[in-house]
Every structure is written in C-alpha cells, then in structure tokens.
C-alpha cells in the first residue's frame, strides 16, 4: 500500500508540473497577444504567476512573495507619508 501511494504521488507530480508550466506559458502568451501590447506588463504577469506557483509549493499564501517584494514597499511608503501629515 505505501508503494502504491508513493507511485500515485509521483504520477500526480509528473502530471502537475508540466500542466502548471503549460498554463503559465499559455496565459502569458494570451495576455501578450491581447489588446495590451505592453511587454513590461506581460513580464509582470508571468512573474506574478511564477511566484504564486512557488508560494503554493512552499505552502505559504499564494501571491504573498510578489506582494511582499513589489507591492508592500509602495504601500509602506504611502503609509509613512500619511503618517507624517
């Protein structure tokens, strides 16, 4: 029974990783080909999705790493400005 459980988990990982990678590639390509031709925005979407996958693998809330690195500093600056007033 433990061997079957191990094989099923291995199969799930073998199927999930390419599926996640394919999803990221397709979503990024669709976003790049849609009405917005901003290359920077497309890269940010791909980066956000990749960081969300990494968060999911690590077991932390999805999107936290991206928020912490890119959005939190701006929010903290705004809070500091409003606090000074």
PDB file of N, CA and C in Angstrom:
ATOM      1  N   UNK A   1       0.810  -1.203   0.000  1.00  0.00           N
ATOM      2  CA  UNK A   1       0.000   0.000   0.000  1.00  0.00           C
ATOM      3  C   UNK A   1       0.860   1.277   0.000  1.00  0.00           C
ATOM      4  N   UNK A   2       1.921   1.342   0.810  1.00  0.00           N
ATOM      5  CA  UNK A   2       2.760   2.548   0.749  1.00  0.00           C
ATOM      6  C   UNK A   2       3.404   2.744  -0.624  1.00  0.00           C
ATOM      7  N   UNK A   3       3.722   1.658  -1.288  1.00  0.00           N
ATOM      8  CA  UNK A   3       4.319   1.746  -2.617  1.00  0.00           C
ATOM      9  C   UNK A   3       3.325   2.330  -3.623  1.00  0.00           C
ATOM     10  N   UNK A   4       2.060   1.911  -3.535  1.00  0.00           N
ATOM     11  CA  UNK A   4       1.016   2.447  -4.400  1.00  0.00           C
ATOM     12  C   UNK A   4       0.816   3.939  -4.134  1.00  0.00           C
ATOM     13  N   UNK A   5       0.793   4.312  -2.875  1.00  0.00           N
ATOM     14  CA  UNK A   5       0.635   5.710  -2.501  1.00  0.00           C
ATOM     15  C   UNK A   5       1.789   6.544  -3.062  1.00  0.00           C
ATOM     16  N   UNK A   6       3.002   6.035  -2.961  1.00  0.00           N
ATOM     17  CA  UNK A   6       4.173   6.728  -3.497  1.00  0.00           C
ATOM     18  C   UNK A   6       4.069   6.878  -5.010  1.00  0.00           C
ATOM     19  N   UNK A   7       3.668   5.826  -5.692  1.00  0.00           N
ATOM     20  CA  UNK A   7       3.533   5.872  -7.153  1.00  0.00           C
ATOM     21  C   UNK A   7       2.454   6.862  -7.586  1.00  0.00           C
ATOM     22  N   UNK A   8       1.360   6.916  -6.853  1.00  0.00           N
ATOM     23  CA  UNK A   8       0.292   7.869  -7.186  1.00  0.00           C
ATOM     24  C   UNK A   8       0.756   9.306  -6.975  1.00  0.00           C
ATOM     25  N   UNK A   9       1.491   9.543  -5.897  1.00  0.00           N
ATOM     26  CA  UNK A   9       2.015  10.888  -5.651  1.00  0.00           C
ATOM     27  C   UNK A   9       3.020  11.277  -6.728  1.00  0.00           C
ATOM     28  N   UNK A  10       3.866  10.345  -7.112  1.00  0.00           N
ATOM     29  CA  UNK A  10       4.846  10.602  -8.157  1.00  0.00           C
ATOM     30  C   UNK A  10       4.158  10.910  -9.487  1.00  0.00           C
ATOM     31  N   UNK A  11       3.112  10.167  -9.804  1.00  0.00           N
ATOM     32  CA  UNK A  11       2.340  10.414 -11.014  1.00  0.00           C
ATOM     33  C   UNK A  11       1.679  11.791 -10.966  1.00  0.00           C
ATOM     34  N   UNK A  12       1.136  12.164  -9.805  1.00  0.00           N
ATOM     35  CA  UNK A  12       0.491  13.472  -9.663  1.00  0.00           C
ATOM     36  C   UNK A  12       1.492  14.601  -9.893  1.00  0.00           C
ATOM     37  N   UNK A  13       2.691  14.460  -9.354  1.00  0.00           N
ATOM     38  CA  UNK A  13       3.718  15.488  -9.552  1.00  0.00           C
ATOM     39  C   UNK A  13       4.150  15.531 -11.011  1.00  0.00           C
ATOM     40  N   UNK A  14       4.304  14.360 -11.613  1.00  0.00           N
ATOM     41  CA  UNK A  14       4.729  14.297 -13.017  1.00  0.00           C
ATOM     42  C   UNK A  14       3.695  14.925 -13.946  1.00  0.00           C
ATOM     43  N   UNK A  15       2.446  14.869 -13.584  1.00  0.00           N
ATOM     44  CA  UNK A  15       1.385  15.475 -14.407  1.00  0.00           C
ATOM     45  C   UNK A  15       1.210  16.954 -14.066  1.00  0.00           C
ATOM     46  N   UNK A  16       1.322  17.305 -12.787  1.00  0.00           N
ATOM     47  CA  UNK A  16       1.040  18.672 -12.350  1.00  0.00           C
ATOM     48  C   UNK A  16       2.087  19.677 -12.810  1.00  0.00           C
ATOM     49  N   UNK A  17       3.347  19.337 -12.735  1.00  0.00           N
ATOM     50  CA  UNK A  17       4.393  20.311 -13.075  1.00  0.00           C
ATOM     51  C   UNK A  17       4.313  20.743 -14.541  1.00  0.00           C
ATOM     52  N   UNK A  18       4.225  19.820 -15.505  1.00  0.00           N
ATOM     53  CA  UNK A  18       4.067  20.294 -16.896  1.00  0.00           C
ATOM     54  C   UNK A  18       2.747  21.034 -17.121  1.00  0.00           C
ATOM     55  N   UNK A  19       1.694  20.636 -16.425  1.00  0.00           N
ATOM     56  CA  UNK A  19       0.409  21.323 -16.581  1.00  0.00           C
ATOM     57  C   UNK A  19       0.507  22.760 -16.070  1.00  0.00           C
ATOM     58  N   UNK A  20       1.168  22.960 -14.951  1.00  0.00           N
ATOM     59  CA  UNK A  20       1.336  24.310 -14.406  1.00  0.00           C
ATOM     60  C   UNK A  20       2.195  25.149 -15.347  1.00  0.00           C
ATOM     61  N   UNK A  21       3.284  24.579 -15.830  1.00  0.00           N
ATOM     62  CA  UNK A  21       4.163  25.308 -16.754  1.00  0.00           C
ATOM     63  C   UNK A  21       3.420  25.672 -18.044  1.00  0.00           C
ATOM     64  N   UNK A  22       2.642  24.737 -18.575  1.00  0.00           N
ATOM     65  CA  UNK A  22       1.871  24.997 -19.789  1.00  0.00           C
ATOM     66  C   UNK A  22       0.842  26.097 -19.550  1.00  0.00           C
ATOM     67  N   UNK A  23       0.192  26.076 -18.406  1.00  0.00           N
ATOM     68  CA  UNK A  23      -0.791  27.105 -18.055  1.00  0.00           C
ATOM     69  C   UNK A  23      -0.134  28.480 -18.020  1.00  0.00           C
ATOM     70  N   UNK A  24       1.039  28.573 -17.399  1.00  0.00           N
ATOM     71  CA  UNK A  24       1.734  29.855 -17.314  1.00  0.00           C
ATOM     72  C   UNK A  24       2.120  30.349 -18.706  1.00  0.00           C
ATOM     73  N   UNK A  25       2.651  29.460 -19.539  1.00  0.00           N
ATOM     74  CA  UNK A  25       3.051  29.852 -20.893  1.00  0.00           C
ATOM     75  C   UNK A  25       1.847  30.303 -21.711  1.00  0.00           C
ATOM     76  N   UNK A  26       0.764  29.548 -21.671  1.00  0.00           N
ATOM     77  CA  UNK A  26      -0.430  29.896 -22.455  1.00  0.00           C
ATOM     78  C   UNK A  26      -1.039  31.203 -21.964  1.00  0.00           C
ATOM     79  N   UNK A  27      -1.160  31.370 -20.661  1.00  0.00           N
ATOM     80  CA  UNK A  27      -1.760  32.586 -20.118  1.00  0.00           C
ATOM     81  C   UNK A  27      -0.911  33.806 -20.470  1.00  0.00           C
ATOM     82  N   UNK A  28       0.400  33.663 -20.356  1.00  0.00           N
ATOM     83  CA  UNK A  28       1.286  34.777 -20.687  1.00  0.00           C
ATOM     84  C   UNK A  28       1.200  35.108 -22.178  1.00  0.00           C
ATOM     85  N   UNK A  29       1.157  34.093 -23.027  1.00  0.00           N
ATOM     86  CA  UNK A  29       1.050  34.332 -24.470  1.00  0.00           C
ATOM     87  C   UNK A  29      -0.282  34.993 -24.822  1.00  0.00           C
ATOM     88  N   UNK A  30      -1.370  34.517 -24.220  1.00  0.00           N
ATOM     89  CA  UNK A  30      -2.680  35.127 -24.486  1.00  0.00           C
ATOM     90  C   UNK A  30      -2.697  36.575 -24.035  1.00  0.00           C
ATOM     91  N   UNK A  31      -2.101  36.842 -22.893  1.00  0.00           N
ATOM     92  CA  UNK A  31      -2.078  38.202 -22.374  1.00  0.00           C
ATOM     93  C   UNK A  31      -1.228  39.102 -23.267  1.00  0.00           C
ATOM     94  N   UNK A  32      -0.112  38.560 -23.756  1.00  0.00           N
ATOM     95  CA  UNK A  32       0.762  39.349 -24.624  1.00  0.00           C
ATOM     96  C   UNK A  32       0.098  39.632 -25.967  1.00  0.00           C
ATOM     97  N   UNK A  33      -0.703  38.700 -26.472  1.00  0.00           N
ATOM     98  CA  UNK A  33      -1.339  38.878 -27.773  1.00  0.00           C
ATOM     99  C   UNK A  33      -2.661  39.630 -27.708  1.00  0.00           C
ATOM    100  N   UNK A  34      -3.160  39.854 -26.509  1.00  0.00           N
ATOM    101  CA  UNK A  34      -4.429  40.578 -26.381  1.00  0.00           C
ATOM    102  C   UNK A  34      -4.211  42.062 -26.685  1.00  0.00           C
ATOM    103  N   UNK A  35      -5.187  42.876 -26.382  1.00  0.00           N
ATOM    104  CA  UNK A  35      -5.142  44.288 -26.737  1.00  0.00           C
ATOM    105  C   UNK A  35      -3.984  45.063 -26.156  1.00  0.00           C
ATOM    106  N   UNK A  36      -3.486  44.694 -25.014  1.00  0.00           N
ATOM    107  CA  UNK A  36      -2.396  45.458 -24.406  1.00  0.00           C
ATOM    108  C   UNK A  36      -1.057  44.954 -24.922  1.00  0.00           C
ATOM    109  N   UNK A  37      -0.333  45.820 -25.578  1.00  0.00           N
ATOM    110  CA  UNK A  37       0.965  45.451 -26.149  1.00  0.00           C
ATOM    111  C   UNK A  37       2.110  45.921 -25.255  1.00  0.00           C
ATOM    112  N   UNK A  38       1.898  45.913 -23.975  1.00  0.00           N
ATOM    113  CA  UNK A  38       2.934  46.365 -23.061  1.00  0.00           C
ATOM    114  C   UNK A  38       3.755  45.163 -22.622  1.00  0.00           C
ATOM    115  N   UNK A  39       4.976  45.091 -23.078  1.00  0.00           N
ATOM    116  CA  UNK A  39       5.842  43.950 -22.764  1.00  0.00           C
ATOM    117  C   UNK A  39       6.142  43.885 -21.273  1.00  0.00           C
ATOM    118  N   UNK A  40       6.291  45.030 -20.645  1.00  0.00           N
ATOM    119  CA  UNK A  40       6.586  45.051 -19.216  1.00  0.00           C
ATOM    120  C   UNK A  40       5.454  44.438 -18.420  1.00  0.00           C
ATOM    121  N   UNK A  41       4.240  44.766 -18.794  1.00  0.00           N
ATOM    122  CA  UNK A  41       3.085  44.229 -18.065  1.00  0.00           C
ATOM    123  C   UNK A  41       2.987  42.715 -18.225  1.00  0.00           C
ATOM    124  N   UNK A  42       3.280  42.222 -19.419  1.00  0.00           N
ATOM    125  CA  UNK A  42       3.253  40.786 -19.655  1.00  0.00           C
ATOM    126  C   UNK A  42       4.296  40.075 -18.812  1.00  0.00           C
ATOM    127  N   UNK A  43       5.476  40.677 -18.714  1.00  0.00           N
ATOM    128  CA  UNK A  43       6.511  40.070 -17.874  1.00  0.00           C
ATOM    129  C   UNK A  43       6.104  40.078 -16.415  1.00  0.00           C
ATOM    130  N   UNK A  44       5.418  41.151 -15.979  1.00  0.00           N
ATOM    131  CA  UNK A  44       4.972  41.215 -14.579  1.00  0.00           C
ATOM    132  C   UNK A  44       3.922  40.144 -14.302  1.00  0.00           C
ATOM    133  N   UNK A  45       3.023  39.903 -15.260  1.00  0.00           N
ATOM    134  CA  UNK A  45       2.008  38.866 -15.087  1.00  0.00           C
ATOM    135  C   UNK A  45       2.673  37.501 -14.989  1.00  0.00           C
ATOM    136  N   UNK A  46       3.631  37.229 -15.859  1.00  0.00           N
ATOM    137  CA  UNK A  46       4.329  35.952 -15.815  1.00  0.00           C
ATOM    138  C   UNK A  46       5.101  35.805 -14.509  1.00  0.00           C
ATOM    139  N   UNK A  47       5.740  36.876 -14.061  1.00  0.00           N
ATOM    140  CA  UNK A  47       6.475  36.842 -12.804  1.00  0.00           C
ATOM    141  C   UNK A  47       5.538  36.594 -11.637  1.00  0.00           C
ATOM    142  N   UNK A  48       4.390  37.274 -11.631  1.00  0.00           N
ATOM    143  CA  UNK A  48       3.424  37.087 -10.546  1.00  0.00           C
ATOM    144  C   UNK A  48       2.908  35.650 -10.513  1.00  0.00           C
ATOM    145  N   UNK A  49       2.631  35.093 -11.686  1.00  0.00           N
ATOM    146  CA  UNK A  49       2.149  33.715 -11.729  1.00  0.00           C
ATOM    147  C   UNK A  49       3.216  32.741 -11.259  1.00  0.00           C
ATOM    148  N   UNK A  50       4.464  32.940 -11.694  1.00  0.00           N
ATOM    149  CA  UNK A  50       5.542  32.047 -11.282  1.00  0.00           C
ATOM    150  C   UNK A  50       5.761  32.133  -9.775  1.00  0.00           C
ATOM    151  N   UNK A  51       5.747  33.336  -9.238  1.00  0.00           N
ATOM    152  CA  UNK A  51       5.943  33.489  -7.795  1.00  0.00           C
ATOM    153  C   UNK A  51       4.771  32.877  -7.022  1.00  0.00           C
ATOM    154  N   UNK A  52       3.575  32.929  -7.575  1.00  0.00           N
ATOM    155  CA  UNK A  52       2.430  32.295  -6.927  1.00  0.00           C
ATOM    156  C   UNK A  52       2.586  30.780  -6.905  1.00  0.00           C
ATOM    157  N   UNK A  53       3.096  30.203  -7.978  1.00  0.00           N
ATOM    158  CA  UNK A  53       3.347  28.757  -8.002  1.00  0.00           C
ATOM    159  C   UNK A  53       4.394  28.398  -6.960  1.00  0.00           C
ATOM    160  N   UNK A  54       5.450  29.204  -6.878  1.00  0.00           N
ATOM    161  CA  UNK A  54       6.492  28.946  -5.869  1.00  0.00           C
ATOM    162  C   UNK A  54       5.922  29.066  -4.459  1.00  0.00           C
ATOM    163  N   UNK A  55       5.045  30.039  -4.224  1.00  0.00           N
ATOM    164  CA  UNK A  55       4.394  30.176  -2.916  1.00  0.00           C
ATOM    165  C   UNK A  55       3.564  28.944  -2.608  1.00  0.00           C
ATOM    166  N   UNK A  56       2.817  28.463  -3.596  1.00  0.00           N
ATOM    167  CA  UNK A  56       1.977  27.286  -3.401  1.00  0.00           C
ATOM    168  C   UNK A  56       2.829  26.075  -3.044  1.00  0.00           C
ATOM    169  N   UNK A  57       3.978  25.922  -3.728  1.00  0.00           N
ATOM    170  CA  UNK A  57       4.864  24.797  -3.434  1.00  0.00           C
ATOM    171  C   UNK A  57       5.423  24.906  -2.024  1.00  0.00           C
ATOM    172  N   UNK A  58       5.774  26.106  -1.597  1.00  0.00           N
ATOM    173  CA  UNK A  58       6.326  26.302  -0.256  1.00  0.00           C
ATOM    174  C   UNK A  58       5.270  26.223   0.837  1.00  0.00           C
ATOM    175  N   UNK A  59       4.008  26.340   0.458  1.00  0.00           N
ATOM    176  CA  UNK A  59       2.933  26.242   1.437  1.00  0.00           C
ATOM    177  C   UNK A  59       2.591  27.556   2.111  1.00  0.00           C
ATOM    178  N   UNK A  60       2.985  28.676   1.511  1.00  0.00           N
ATOM    179  CA  UNK A  60       2.616  29.976   2.055  1.00  0.00           C
ATOM    180  C   UNK A  60       1.478  30.535   1.206  1.00  0.00           C
ATOM    181  N   UNK A  61       0.774  31.538   1.700  1.00  0.00           N
ATOM    182  CA  UNK A  61      -0.357  32.063   0.930  1.00  0.00           C
ATOM    183  C   UNK A  61       0.051  32.468  -0.489  1.00  0.00           C
ATOM    184  N   UNK A  62      -0.738  32.069  -1.450  1.00  0.00           N
ATOM    185  CA  UNK A  62      -0.429  32.332  -2.859  1.00  0.00           C
ATOM    186  C   UNK A  62      -0.442  33.835  -3.110  1.00  0.00           C
ATOM    187  N   UNK A  63       0.597  34.322  -3.742  1.00  0.00           N
ATOM    188  CA  UNK A  63       0.715  35.741  -4.053  1.00  0.00           C
ATOM    189  C   UNK A  63       1.462  36.545  -3.004  1.00  0.00           C
ATOM    190  N   UNK A  64       1.827  35.921  -1.898  1.00  0.00           N
ATOM    191  CA  UNK A  64       2.463  36.666  -0.808  1.00  0.00           C
ATOM    192  C   UNK A  64       3.848  37.174  -1.188  1.00  0.00           C
ATOM    193  N   UNK A  65       4.662  36.345  -1.831  1.00  0.00           N
ATOM    194  CA  UNK A  65       6.030  36.751  -2.185  1.00  0.00           C
ATOM    195  C   UNK A  65       6.012  37.944  -3.140  1.00  0.00           C
ATOM    196  N   UNK A  66       5.129  37.898  -4.133  1.00  0.00           N
ATOM    197  CA  UNK A  66       5.030  39.009  -5.079  1.00  0.00           C
ATOM    198  C   UNK A  66       4.590  40.272  -4.351  1.00  0.00           C
ATOM    199  N   UNK A  67       3.597  40.160  -3.496  1.00  0.00           N
ATOM    200  CA  UNK A  67       3.114  41.319  -2.754  1.00  0.00           C
ATOM    201  C   UNK A  67       4.223  41.890  -1.886  1.00  0.00           C
ATOM    202  N   UNK A  68       4.924  41.019  -1.180  1.00  0.00           N
ATOM    203  CA  UNK A  68       5.976  41.448  -0.272  1.00  0.00           C
ATOM    204  C   UNK A  68       7.106  42.163  -1.019  1.00  0.00           C
ATOM    205  N   UNK A  69       7.455  41.679  -2.192  1.00  0.00           N
ATOM    206  CA  UNK A  69       8.587  42.225  -2.923  1.00  0.00           C
ATOM    207  C   UNK A  69       8.235  43.460  -3.746  1.00  0.00           C
ATOM    208  N   UNK A  70       7.043  43.491  -4.344  1.00  0.00           N
ATOM    209  CA  UNK A  70       6.728  44.564  -5.288  1.00  0.00           C
ATOM    210  C   UNK A  70       5.661  45.541  -4.813  1.00  0.00           C
ATOM    211  N   UNK A  71       4.697  45.103  -4.037  1.00  0.00           N
ATOM    212  CA  UNK A  71       3.595  45.992  -3.671  1.00  0.00           C
ATOM    213  C   UNK A  71       3.721  46.548  -2.256  1.00  0.00           C
ATOM    214  N   UNK A  72       4.259  45.776  -1.340  1.00  0.00           N
ATOM    215  CA  UNK A  72       4.357  46.221   0.048  1.00  0.00           C
ATOM    216  C   UNK A  72       5.242  47.460   0.216  1.00  0.00           C
ATOM    217  N   UNK A  73       6.422  47.549  -0.436  1.00  0.00           N
ATOM    218  CA  UNK A  73       7.235  48.759  -0.240  1.00  0.00           C
ATOM    219  C   UNK A  73       6.503  50.040  -0.640  1.00  0.00           C
ATOM    220  N   UNK A  74       5.748  49.988  -1.722  1.00  0.00           N
ATOM    221  CA  UNK A  74       4.987  51.166  -2.151  1.00  0.00           C
ATOM    222  C   UNK A  74       3.916  51.502  -1.128  1.00  0.00           C
ATOM    223  N   UNK A  75       3.232  50.477  -0.617  1.00  0.00           N
ATOM    224  CA  UNK A  75       2.192  50.697   0.381  1.00  0.00           C
ATOM    225  C   UNK A  75       2.795  51.269   1.668  1.00  0.00           C
ATOM    226  N   UNK A  76       3.961  50.766   2.061  1.00  0.00           N
ATOM    227  CA  UNK A  76       4.603  51.271   3.277  1.00  0.00           C
ATOM    228  C   UNK A  76       5.039  52.719   3.104  1.00  0.00           C
ATOM    229  N   UNK A  77       5.496  53.081   1.912  1.00  0.00           N
ATOM    230  CA  UNK A  77       5.849  54.480   1.644  1.00  0.00           C
ATOM    231  C   UNK A  77       4.634  55.374   1.756  1.00  0.00           C
ATOM    232  N   UNK A  78       3.491  54.922   1.240  1.00  0.00           N
ATOM    233  CA  UNK A  78       2.257  55.709   1.328  1.00  0.00           C
ATOM    234  C   UNK A  78       1.809  55.865   2.766  1.00  0.00           C
ATOM    235  N   UNK A  79       1.946  54.816   3.544  1.00  0.00           N
ATOM    236  CA  UNK A  79       1.562  54.872   4.955  1.00  0.00           C
ATOM    237  C   UNK A  79       2.469  55.860   5.682  1.00  0.00           C
ATOM    238  N   UNK A  80       3.763  55.841   5.391  1.00  0.00           N
ATOM    239  CA  UNK A  80       4.705  56.757   6.046  1.00  0.00           C
ATOM    240  C   UNK A  80       4.382  58.210   5.680  1.00  0.00           C
ATOM    241  N   UNK A  81       4.004  58.449   4.423  1.00  0.00           N
ATOM    242  CA  UNK A  81       3.675  59.807   4.009  1.00  0.00           C
ATOM    243  C   UNK A  81       2.429  60.286   4.730  1.00  0.00           C
ATOM    244  N   UNK A  82       1.409  59.450   4.819  1.00  0.00           N
ATOM    245  CA  UNK A  82       0.174  59.855   5.509  1.00  0.00           C
ATOM    246  C   UNK A  82       0.392  59.995   7.013  1.00  0.00           C
ATOM    247  N   UNK A  83       1.316  59.237   7.543  1.00  0.00           N
ATOM    248  CA  UNK A  83       1.587  59.319   8.977  1.00  0.00           C
ATOM    249  C   UNK A  83       2.277  60.619   9.321  1.00  0.00           C
ATOM    250  N   UNK A  84       3.110  61.126   8.414  1.00  0.00           N
ATOM    251  CA  UNK A  84       3.833  62.365   8.668  1.00  0.00           C
ATOM    252  C   UNK A  84       2.922  63.569   8.651  1.00  0.00           C
ATOM    253  N   UNK A  85       1.813  63.487   7.975  1.00  0.00           N
ATOM    254  CA  UNK A  85       0.918  64.653   7.861  1.00  0.00           C
ATOM    255  C   UNK A  85       0.193  64.919   9.092  1.00  0.00           C
TER     256      UNK A  85
END
